[in-house]
Each structure stands twice: as structure tokens, then as C-alpha cells.
Amino acid sequence: MIGYGSHEDPAKDLSDAIRKAKELAAKEGRYLSVVATVCGTEGDPQNRTATSLQLAGAGAIVLQAARFVELITKNL
């Protein structure tokens, strides 16, 4: 969740945690999938695209929540 009143850079902390979790999983011979969605707009101080790119750069699959639900329900 981005926007006024939200963390000034939520993707930084989340990206650090994603990288660490994926590294730990890899060391243990596992693969960790991380799926994220960003609720906000381009006009928010954190910027929706910039936030999404930062999370993707850390290894997350960033999808719009509605699109993700559509993909899941098609595979049921």
C-alpha cells in the first residue's frame, strides 16, 4: 500500500526481506516464490511503477491483484 500516510519507501524494506528470504531458501536447496501487488497510483509519492520495479528487482513477481485472482481462478 503506497500513498500519502503510508511508509515513505515500503519497497526498500520489503525488497531487503525478499532477497534475504530467497537467499536462505536457496542455501537450503529450496526455491521461494514471492508474489506481490502494489496498491497505489503513479501520482503517489512512492510511485506505483517505481515501487513495482523495486520489488521485481528483488525477485518478486508483481501482479495486479485482480489479474492474479483471474489467473488463479482459471486454473481451478
Protein backbone atom coordinates (compact mmCIF):
# COMPACT_ATOMS: atom_id res chain seq x y z
CA MET A 1 0.00 0.00 0.00
CA ILE A 2 1.50 3.28 -1.08
CA GLY A 3 0.25 6.83 -0.95
CA TYR A 4 0.07 9.72 1.45
CA GLY A 5 0.17 8.47 5.03
CA SER A 6 1.97 5.27 4.04
CA HIS A 7 5.61 4.35 4.57
CA GLU A 8 7.83 6.68 2.55
CA ASP A 9 9.63 3.76 0.85
CA PRO A 10 7.94 0.44 1.64
CA ALA A 11 9.62 -1.34 -1.27
CA LYS A 12 13.09 -0.87 0.25
CA ASP A 13 12.37 -2.83 3.42
CA LEU A 14 10.30 -5.41 1.58
CA SER A 15 12.98 -5.85 -1.10
CA ASP A 16 15.64 -6.45 1.53
CA ALA A 17 13.43 -9.07 3.22
CA ILE A 18 12.62 -10.76 -0.12
CA ARG A 19 16.29 -11.03 -1.05
CA LYS A 20 17.24 -12.46 2.35
CA ALA A 21 14.39 -14.99 2.32
CA LYS A 22 15.19 -16.14 -1.23
CA GLU A 23 18.90 -16.46 -0.37
CA LEU A 24 18.11 -18.53 2.72
CA ALA A 25 15.80 -20.79 0.73
CA ALA A 26 18.46 -21.27 -1.96
CA LYS A 27 21.09 -22.18 0.66
CA GLU A 28 18.71 -24.85 1.92
CA GLY A 29 18.13 -26.19 -1.59
CA ARG A 30 14.64 -24.73 -1.86
CA TYR A 31 13.03 -22.20 -4.18
CA LEU A 32 10.88 -19.44 -2.77
CA SER A 33 8.23 -17.79 -4.92
CA VAL A 34 7.23 -14.30 -3.84
CA VAL A 35 4.13 -12.67 -5.31
CA ALA A 36 3.35 -9.03 -4.61
CA THR A 37 0.83 -6.43 -5.61
CA VAL A 38 1.14 -2.67 -5.25
CA CYS A 39 -1.97 -0.74 -4.32
CA GLY A 40 -1.46 2.87 -5.38
CA THR A 41 -1.05 5.21 -8.32
CA GLU A 42 1.66 6.86 -10.37
CA GLY A 43 0.82 10.11 -8.60
CA ASP A 44 1.58 8.74 -5.13
CA PRO A 45 4.84 9.96 -3.56
CA GLN A 46 6.30 6.44 -3.79
CA ASN A 47 5.13 5.98 -7.42
CA ARG A 48 3.42 2.73 -8.36
CA THR A 49 5.80 1.82 -11.20
CA ALA A 50 8.96 2.59 -9.21
CA THR A 51 7.70 0.54 -6.28
CA SER A 52 6.76 -2.37 -8.54
CA LEU A 53 10.14 -2.32 -10.28
CA GLN A 54 11.99 -2.29 -6.97
CA LEU A 55 10.06 -5.35 -5.75
CA ALA A 56 10.56 -7.14 -9.06
CA GLY A 57 14.27 -6.39 -8.89
CA ALA A 58 14.39 -8.20 -5.55
CA GLY A 59 12.85 -11.28 -7.13
CA ALA A 60 9.14 -10.80 -6.54
CA ILE A 61 6.53 -11.44 -9.20
CA VAL A 62 4.49 -8.25 -9.16
CA LEU A 63 0.93 -8.53 -10.42
CA GLN A 64 -2.21 -6.50 -10.16
CA ALA A 65 -4.35 -8.22 -7.55
CA ALA A 66 -7.38 -8.52 -9.82
CA ARG A 67 -5.30 -10.07 -12.60
CA PHE A 68 -3.71 -12.51 -10.13
CA VAL A 69 -7.12 -13.67 -8.89
CA GLU A 70 -8.22 -14.13 -12.50
CA LEU A 71 -5.20 -16.34 -13.22
CA ILE A 72 -5.80 -18.44 -10.12
CA THR A 73 -9.49 -18.99 -10.78
CA LYS A 74 -8.87 -20.02 -14.39
CA ASN A 75 -6.63 -22.84 -13.14
CA LEU A 76 -9.08 -24.33 -10.62
